Amino acid sequence: MRPYQKDPKAIYAESFATVQEEANLSRFPNGLDQLATRVIHACGMVEVADRLSFSDTAYTAGHAAIQAGKPILCDCEMVAAGIIRRYLPEGLEPLVTLNNPDTPSLAADLGTTRSAAAVEFWHDKIDGAVVAIGNAPTALFHLLEKLDAGWPKPAVILGFPVGFVGAAESKAELASNPRGCDFVALRGRRGGSAMASAAVNALAAGLPEVNK
């Protein structure tokens, strides 16, 4: 067996140092460079830094929302599972409505996916919230439709849906017209729950593993 690093602090430090060395983070405003670093760390691909679209105040808006205890709305359980609870204010728990017992029948009534229908249950909590979408393009599309219909605006939308059907298109729609919301979106087909979770963790705490 070849030698390998066992010290968790050293692993974090070396990982983030590698990102700093290999990725081009110069275009990111203060704070968003930390978000980009966490997203890269979550997927192991430094090139995603070049495909992130964002509003300049996305980090400050999202960080302030989390510190104020605003809801964190996730499109799936995997996004919520990846959010580090010790970084959140006491009592703040990410919310997932995908498994609401009424979601399947609502999806059938609306003629859409369960992921999109689950967004309907966000209405009373979305004002000033952090939205993290890491799986379903239809959830992002449906959220944008609801904003067009006059829903309250979240503090920030983190758009990381992954896949071959609708993923690139939903994120392109968010980036081209964020409906007055701050946002971060990974252009193209790549994405996923781990990256969406990493973005939330960055908004909550930055990089405490290396900023001690």
C-alpha atoms as a PDB file:
ATOM      1  CA  MET A   1       0.000   0.000   0.000  1.00  0.00           C
ATOM      2  CA  ARG A   2       1.379   3.383  -0.964  1.00  0.00           C
ATOM      3  CA  PRO A   3       1.544   6.065   1.757  1.00  0.00           C
ATOM      4  CA  TYR A   4      -1.467   8.375   1.924  1.00  0.00           C
ATOM      5  CA  GLN A   5      -2.483  11.452   3.860  1.00  0.00           C
ATOM      6  CA  LYS A   6      -4.553  10.690   6.975  1.00  0.00           C
ATOM      7  CA  ASP A   7      -4.704  14.072   8.733  1.00  0.00           C
ATOM      8  CA  PRO A   8      -8.093  15.651   7.880  1.00  0.00           C
ATOM      9  CA  LYS A   9      -6.820  19.196   8.386  1.00  0.00           C
ATOM     10  CA  ALA A  10      -3.877  18.527   6.089  1.00  0.00           C
ATOM     11  CA  ILE A  11      -6.174  16.980   3.484  1.00  0.00           C
ATOM     12  CA  TYR A  12      -8.395  20.064   3.466  1.00  0.00           C
ATOM     13  CA  ALA A  13      -5.424  22.415   3.373  1.00  0.00           C
ATOM     14  CA  GLU A  14      -3.748  20.581   0.506  1.00  0.00           C
ATOM     15  CA  SER A  15      -6.986  20.252  -1.425  1.00  0.00           C
ATOM     16  CA  PHE A  16      -7.858  23.926  -1.218  1.00  0.00           C
ATOM     17  CA  ALA A  17      -4.256  24.895  -1.959  1.00  0.00           C
ATOM     18  CA  THR A  18      -4.423  22.820  -5.133  1.00  0.00           C
ATOM     19  CA  VAL A  19      -7.604  24.604  -6.187  1.00  0.00           C
ATOM     20  CA  GLN A  20      -5.974  27.988  -5.549  1.00  0.00           C
ATOM     21  CA  GLU A  21      -2.970  26.962  -7.626  1.00  0.00           C
ATOM     22  CA  GLU A  22      -4.755  25.366 -10.568  1.00  0.00           C
ATOM     23  CA  ALA A  23      -8.024  27.294 -10.945  1.00  0.00           C
ATOM     24  CA  ASN A  24      -8.457  30.816 -12.261  1.00  0.00           C
ATOM     25  CA  LEU A  25     -10.315  32.566  -9.438  1.00  0.00           C
ATOM     26  CA  SER A  26      -9.278  36.110 -10.253  1.00  0.00           C
ATOM     27  CA  ARG A  27     -12.626  37.127 -11.749  1.00  0.00           C
ATOM     28  CA  PHE A  28     -14.660  36.300  -8.647  1.00  0.00           C
ATOM     29  CA  PRO A  29     -15.668  39.055  -6.201  1.00  0.00           C
ATOM     30  CA  ASN A  30     -14.723  38.621  -2.555  1.00  0.00           C
ATOM     31  CA  GLY A  31     -16.561  35.619  -1.133  1.00  0.00           C
ATOM     32  CA  LEU A  32     -17.516  34.111  -4.464  1.00  0.00           C
ATOM     33  CA  ASP A  33     -13.942  32.918  -4.832  1.00  0.00           C
ATOM     34  CA  GLN A  34     -14.561  30.813  -1.723  1.00  0.00           C
ATOM     35  CA  LEU A  35     -17.804  29.508  -3.204  1.00  0.00           C
ATOM     36  CA  ALA A  36     -15.999  28.583  -6.419  1.00  0.00           C
ATOM     37  CA  THR A  37     -13.292  26.847  -4.388  1.00  0.00           C
ATOM     38  CA  ARG A  38     -15.824  24.709  -2.529  1.00  0.00           C
ATOM     39  CA  VAL A  39     -17.668  23.811  -5.728  1.00  0.00           C
ATOM     40  CA  ILE A  40     -14.412  22.729  -7.372  1.00  0.00           C
ATOM     41  CA  HIS A  41     -13.473  20.751  -4.265  1.00  0.00           C
ATOM     42  CA  ALA A  42     -16.829  18.959  -4.430  1.00  0.00           C
ATOM     43  CA  CYS A  43     -16.349  17.743  -8.000  1.00  0.00           C
ATOM     44  CA  GLY A  44     -12.570  17.639  -8.511  1.00  0.00           C
ATOM     45  CA  MET A  45     -12.738  19.670 -11.735  1.00  0.00           C
ATOM     46  CA  VAL A  46     -10.936  23.022 -11.661  1.00  0.00           C
ATOM     47  CA  GLU A  47     -12.356  23.909 -15.072  1.00  0.00           C
ATOM     48  CA  VAL A  48     -15.833  24.482 -13.623  1.00  0.00           C
ATOM     49  CA  ALA A  49     -14.549  27.824 -12.344  1.00  0.00           C
ATOM     50  CA  ASP A  50     -14.631  29.047 -15.929  1.00  0.00           C
ATOM     51  CA  ARG A  51     -18.268  28.017 -16.326  1.00  0.00           C
ATOM     52  CA  LEU A  52     -19.760  29.712 -13.283  1.00  0.00           C
ATOM     53  CA  SER A  53     -22.128  32.597 -13.937  1.00  0.00           C
ATOM     54  CA  PHE A  54     -23.084  34.826 -11.032  1.00  0.00           C
ATOM     55  CA  SER A  55     -24.323  38.160  -9.816  1.00  0.00           C
ATOM     56  CA  ASP A  56     -21.677  40.234  -8.063  1.00  0.00           C
ATOM     57  CA  THR A  57     -23.562  40.367  -4.755  1.00  0.00           C
ATOM     58  CA  ALA A  58     -24.617  36.688  -4.673  1.00  0.00           C
ATOM     59  CA  TYR A  59     -22.217  35.813  -1.868  1.00  0.00           C
ATOM     60  CA  THR A  60     -23.089  38.708   0.421  1.00  0.00           C
ATOM     61  CA  ALA A  61     -26.838  38.237  -0.169  1.00  0.00           C
ATOM     62  CA  GLY A  62     -26.714  34.503   0.498  1.00  0.00           C
ATOM     63  CA  HIS A  63     -24.440  34.816   3.518  1.00  0.00           C
ATOM     64  CA  ALA A  64     -26.653  37.467   5.085  1.00  0.00           C
ATOM     65  CA  ALA A  65     -29.758  35.361   4.493  1.00  0.00           C
ATOM     66  CA  ILE A  66     -28.266  32.316   6.206  1.00  0.00           C
ATOM     67  CA  GLN A  67     -26.956  34.348   9.123  1.00  0.00           C
ATOM     68  CA  ALA A  68     -30.443  35.804   9.533  1.00  0.00           C
ATOM     69  CA  GLY A  69     -31.894  32.293   9.716  1.00  0.00           C
ATOM     70  CA  LYS A  70     -33.805  32.484   6.442  1.00  0.00           C
ATOM     71  CA  PRO A  71     -34.985  29.174   4.976  1.00  0.00           C
ATOM     72  CA  ILE A  72     -32.691  27.046   2.819  1.00  0.00           C
ATOM     73  CA  LEU A  73     -34.881  25.395   0.173  1.00  0.00           C
ATOM     74  CA  CYS A  74     -33.424  22.331  -1.568  1.00  0.00           C
ATOM     75  CA  ASP A  75     -34.780  20.429  -4.535  1.00  0.00           C
ATOM     76  CA  CYS A  76     -33.750  17.016  -3.220  1.00  0.00           C
ATOM     77  CA  GLU A  77     -32.617  15.206  -0.086  1.00  0.00           C
ATOM     78  CA  MET A  78     -29.073  14.790  -1.388  1.00  0.00           C
ATOM     79  CA  VAL A  79     -28.552  18.558  -1.486  1.00  0.00           C
ATOM     80  CA  ALA A  80     -29.846  18.912   2.061  1.00  0.00           C
ATOM     81  CA  ALA A  81     -27.695  15.988   3.257  1.00  0.00           C
ATOM     82  CA  GLY A  82     -24.521  17.662   2.025  1.00  0.00           C
ATOM     83  CA  ILE A  83     -25.077  20.899   3.933  1.00  0.00           C
ATOM     84  CA  ILE A  84     -22.825  21.037   6.998  1.00  0.00           C
ATOM     85  CA  ARG A  85     -25.135  21.727   9.917  1.00  0.00           C
ATOM     86  CA  ARG A  86     -22.484  23.164  12.240  1.00  0.00           C
ATOM     87  CA  TYR A  87     -22.042  26.025   9.772  1.00  0.00           C
ATOM     88  CA  LEU A  88     -25.706  27.021  10.114  1.00  0.00           C
ATOM     89  CA  PRO A  89     -27.354  29.122  12.824  1.00  0.00           C
ATOM     90  CA  GLU A  90     -28.829  27.000  15.589  1.00  0.00           C
ATOM     91  CA  GLY A  91     -32.196  25.597  14.623  1.00  0.00           C
ATOM     92  CA  LEU A  92     -31.890  26.269  10.897  1.00  0.00           C
ATOM     93  CA  GLU A  93     -32.582  23.073   8.990  1.00  0.00           C
ATOM     94  CA  PRO A  94     -32.619  22.821   5.161  1.00  0.00           C
ATOM     95  CA  LEU A  95     -36.097  22.165   3.790  1.00  0.00           C
ATOM     96  CA  VAL A  96     -36.952  19.582   1.127  1.00  0.00           C
ATOM     97  CA  THR A  97     -40.557  19.227  -0.080  1.00  0.00           C
ATOM     98  CA  LEU A  98     -39.975  16.582  -2.755  1.00  0.00           C
ATOM     99  CA  ASN A  99     -41.270  13.820  -0.467  1.00  0.00           C
ATOM    100  CA  ASN A 100     -44.320  15.728   0.697  1.00  0.00           C
ATOM    101  CA  PRO A 101     -47.158  13.183   0.470  1.00  0.00           C
ATOM    102  CA  ASP A 102     -49.164  15.585  -1.705  1.00  0.00           C
ATOM    103  CA  THR A 103     -46.366  16.078  -4.247  1.00  0.00           C
ATOM    104  CA  PRO A 104     -47.182  13.126  -6.582  1.00  0.00           C
ATOM    105  CA  SER A 105     -50.849  14.056  -6.984  1.00  0.00           C
ATOM    106  CA  LEU A 106     -49.959  17.713  -7.462  1.00  0.00           C
ATOM    107  CA  ALA A 107     -47.442  16.743 -10.150  1.00  0.00           C
ATOM    108  CA  ALA A 108     -50.139  14.762 -11.928  1.00  0.00           C
ATOM    109  CA  ASP A 109     -52.574  17.688 -11.737  1.00  0.00           C
ATOM    110  CA  LEU A 110     -49.962  20.111 -13.073  1.00  0.00           C
ATOM    111  CA  GLY A 111     -48.700  17.709 -15.726  1.00  0.00           C
ATOM    112  CA  THR A 112     -45.103  18.053 -14.599  1.00  0.00           C
ATOM    113  CA  THR A 113     -42.420  16.311 -12.563  1.00  0.00           C
ATOM    114  CA  ARG A 114     -42.506  15.747  -8.819  1.00  0.00           C
ATOM    115  CA  SER A 115     -39.459  18.019  -8.524  1.00  0.00           C
ATOM    116  CA  ALA A 116     -41.299  20.886 -10.172  1.00  0.00           C
ATOM    117  CA  ALA A 117     -44.484  20.284  -8.196  1.00  0.00           C
ATOM    118  CA  ALA A 118     -42.498  20.301  -4.946  1.00  0.00           C
ATOM    119  CA  VAL A 119     -41.548  23.923  -5.658  1.00  0.00           C
ATOM    120  CA  GLU A 120     -45.205  24.866  -5.178  1.00  0.00           C
ATOM    121  CA  PHE A 121     -44.806  24.199  -1.440  1.00  0.00           C
ATOM    122  CA  TRP A 122     -42.058  26.837  -1.193  1.00  0.00           C
ATOM    123  CA  HIS A 123     -44.366  29.811  -1.658  1.00  0.00           C
ATOM    124  CA  ASP A 124     -44.753  30.808   1.986  1.00  0.00           C
ATOM    125  CA  LYS A 125     -41.035  30.421   2.725  1.00  0.00           C
ATOM    126  CA  ILE A 126     -39.283  31.717  -0.365  1.00  0.00           C
ATOM    127  CA  ASP A 127     -39.168  35.422   0.455  1.00  0.00           C
ATOM    128  CA  GLY A 128     -35.496  36.139   1.242  1.00  0.00           C
ATOM    129  CA  ALA A 129     -34.586  32.435   1.241  1.00  0.00           C
ATOM    130  CA  VAL A 130     -31.577  30.592  -0.142  1.00  0.00           C
ATOM    131  CA  VAL A 131     -32.605  28.226  -2.947  1.00  0.00           C
ATOM    132  CA  ALA A 132     -30.250  25.341  -3.795  1.00  0.00           C
ATOM    133  CA  ILE A 133     -31.098  23.239  -6.848  1.00  0.00           C
ATOM    134  CA  GLY A 134     -28.639  20.457  -7.565  1.00  0.00           C
ATOM    135  CA  ASN A 135     -30.660  17.790  -9.323  1.00  0.00           C
ATOM    136  CA  ALA A 136     -33.780  18.722 -11.286  1.00  0.00           C
ATOM    137  CA  PRO A 137     -33.860  21.208 -14.172  1.00  0.00           C
ATOM    138  CA  THR A 138     -37.664  21.211 -13.973  1.00  0.00           C
ATOM    139  CA  ALA A 139     -37.454  22.537 -10.411  1.00  0.00           C
ATOM    140  CA  LEU A 140     -35.405  25.506 -11.609  1.00  0.00           C
ATOM    141  CA  PHE A 141     -37.651  26.127 -14.604  1.00  0.00           C
ATOM    142  CA  HIS A 142     -40.750  25.974 -12.394  1.00  0.00           C
ATOM    143  CA  LEU A 143     -39.251  28.358  -9.853  1.00  0.00           C
ATOM    144  CA  LEU A 144     -38.531  30.875 -12.598  1.00  0.00           C
ATOM    145  CA  GLU A 145     -42.114  30.516 -13.836  1.00  0.00           C
ATOM    146  CA  LYS A 146     -43.390  31.205 -10.330  1.00  0.00           C
ATOM    147  CA  LEU A 147     -41.210  34.316 -10.070  1.00  0.00           C
ATOM    148  CA  ASP A 148     -42.612  35.484 -13.400  1.00  0.00           C
ATOM    149  CA  ALA A 149     -46.070  34.982 -11.901  1.00  0.00           C
ATOM    150  CA  GLY A 150     -45.255  37.333  -9.028  1.00  0.00           C
ATOM    151  CA  TRP A 151     -43.884  35.138  -6.267  1.00  0.00           C
ATOM    152  CA  PRO A 152     -41.695  36.792  -3.596  1.00  0.00           C
ATOM    153  CA  LYS A 153     -38.006  36.747  -4.462  1.00  0.00           C
ATOM    154  CA  PRO A 154     -35.418  34.584  -2.735  1.00  0.00           C
ATOM    155  CA  ALA A 155     -32.152  36.135  -1.578  1.00  0.00           C
ATOM    156  CA  VAL A 156     -30.130  33.933  -3.929  1.00  0.00           C
ATOM    157  CA  ILE A 157     -30.703  31.062  -6.352  1.00  0.00           C
ATOM    158  CA  LEU A 158     -27.966  28.443  -6.612  1.00  0.00           C
ATOM    159  CA  GLY A 159     -28.510  26.729  -9.963  1.00  0.00           C
ATOM    160  CA  PHE A 160     -26.644  23.424 -10.268  1.00  0.00           C
ATOM    161  CA  PRO A 161     -29.087  20.970 -11.884  1.00  0.00           C
ATOM    162  CA  VAL A 162     -27.314  18.203 -13.771  1.00  0.00           C
ATOM    163  CA  GLY A 163     -28.191  16.168 -16.834  1.00  0.00           C
ATOM    164  CA  PHE A 164     -28.813  16.010 -20.555  1.00  0.00           C
ATOM    165  CA  VAL A 165     -32.384  17.298 -20.772  1.00  0.00           C
ATOM    166  CA  GLY A 166     -33.041  20.818 -19.582  1.00  0.00           C
ATOM    167  CA  ALA A 167     -30.044  21.238 -17.295  1.00  0.00           C
ATOM    168  CA  ALA A 168     -28.036  23.568 -19.523  1.00  0.00           C
ATOM    169  CA  GLU A 169     -31.180  25.339 -20.682  1.00  0.00           C
ATOM    170  CA  SER A 170     -32.576  25.997 -17.198  1.00  0.00           C
ATOM    171  CA  LYS A 171     -29.276  27.461 -16.000  1.00  0.00           C
ATOM    172  CA  ALA A 172     -28.940  29.569 -19.135  1.00  0.00           C
ATOM    173  CA  GLU A 173     -32.421  30.970 -18.471  1.00  0.00           C
ATOM    174  CA  LEU A 174     -31.466  31.809 -14.883  1.00  0.00           C
ATOM    175  CA  ALA A 175     -28.225  33.502 -15.915  1.00  0.00           C
ATOM    176  CA  SER A 176     -29.808  35.496 -18.736  1.00  0.00           C
ATOM    177  CA  ASN A 177     -32.776  36.647 -16.653  1.00  0.00           C
ATOM    178  CA  PRO A 178     -32.465  36.043 -12.905  1.00  0.00           C
ATOM    179  CA  ARG A 179     -35.729  37.867 -12.265  1.00  0.00           C
ATOM    180  CA  GLY A 180     -34.072  40.422 -10.011  1.00  0.00           C
ATOM    181  CA  CYS A 181     -32.528  37.761  -7.772  1.00  0.00           C
ATOM    182  CA  ASP A 182     -28.898  37.194  -6.920  1.00  0.00           C
ATOM    183  CA  PHE A 183     -27.714  33.903  -8.372  1.00  0.00           C
ATOM    184  CA  VAL A 184     -24.897  31.474  -9.085  1.00  0.00           C
ATOM    185  CA  ALA A 185     -25.253  29.004 -11.963  1.00  0.00           C
ATOM    186  CA  LEU A 186     -22.960  26.424 -13.515  1.00  0.00           C
ATOM    187  CA  ARG A 187     -23.397  26.659 -17.273  1.00  0.00           C
ATOM    188  CA  GLY A 188     -23.787  23.479 -19.288  1.00  0.00           C
ATOM    189  CA  ARG A 189     -24.743  19.900 -18.417  1.00  0.00           C
ATOM    190  CA  ARG A 190     -22.538  19.530 -15.371  1.00  0.00           C
ATOM    191  CA  GLY A 191     -23.861  20.056 -11.880  1.00  0.00           C
ATOM    192  CA  GLY A 192     -25.152  17.900  -9.089  1.00  0.00           C
ATOM    193  CA  SER A 193     -26.189  17.800  -5.465  1.00  0.00           C
ATOM    194  CA  ALA A 194     -22.645  17.858  -4.082  1.00  0.00           C
ATOM    195  CA  MET A 195     -21.880  21.115  -5.856  1.00  0.00           C
ATOM    196  CA  ALA A 196     -25.142  22.723  -4.749  1.00  0.00           C
ATOM    197  CA  SER A 197     -24.434  21.695  -1.154  1.00  0.00           C
ATOM    198  CA  ALA A 198     -20.891  23.029  -1.425  1.00  0.00           C
ATOM    199  CA  ALA A 199     -22.231  26.382  -2.587  1.00  0.00           C
ATOM    200  CA  VAL A 200     -24.524  26.579   0.453  1.00  0.00           C
ATOM    201  CA  ASN A 201     -21.655  25.648   2.762  1.00  0.00           C
ATOM    202  CA  ALA A 202     -19.563  28.442   1.264  1.00  0.00           C
ATOM    203  CA  LEU A 203     -22.359  30.973   1.786  1.00  0.00           C
ATOM    204  CA  ALA A 204     -22.717  29.816   5.370  1.00  0.00           C
ATOM    205  CA  ALA A 205     -19.076  29.757   6.399  1.00  0.00           C
ATOM    206  CA  GLY A 206     -16.616  30.445   3.593  1.00  0.00           C
ATOM    207  CA  LEU A 207     -13.517  28.273   4.088  1.00  0.00           C
ATOM    208  CA  PRO A 208     -13.097  27.870   7.858  1.00  0.00           C
ATOM    209  CA  GLU A 209     -10.931  24.799   7.298  1.00  0.00           C
ATOM    210  CA  VAL A 210      -8.134  27.006   5.981  1.00  0.00           C
ATOM    211  CA  ASN A 211      -9.088  30.414   7.403  1.00  0.00           C
ATOM    212  CA  LYS A 212      -8.401  29.617  11.055  1.00  0.00           C
END
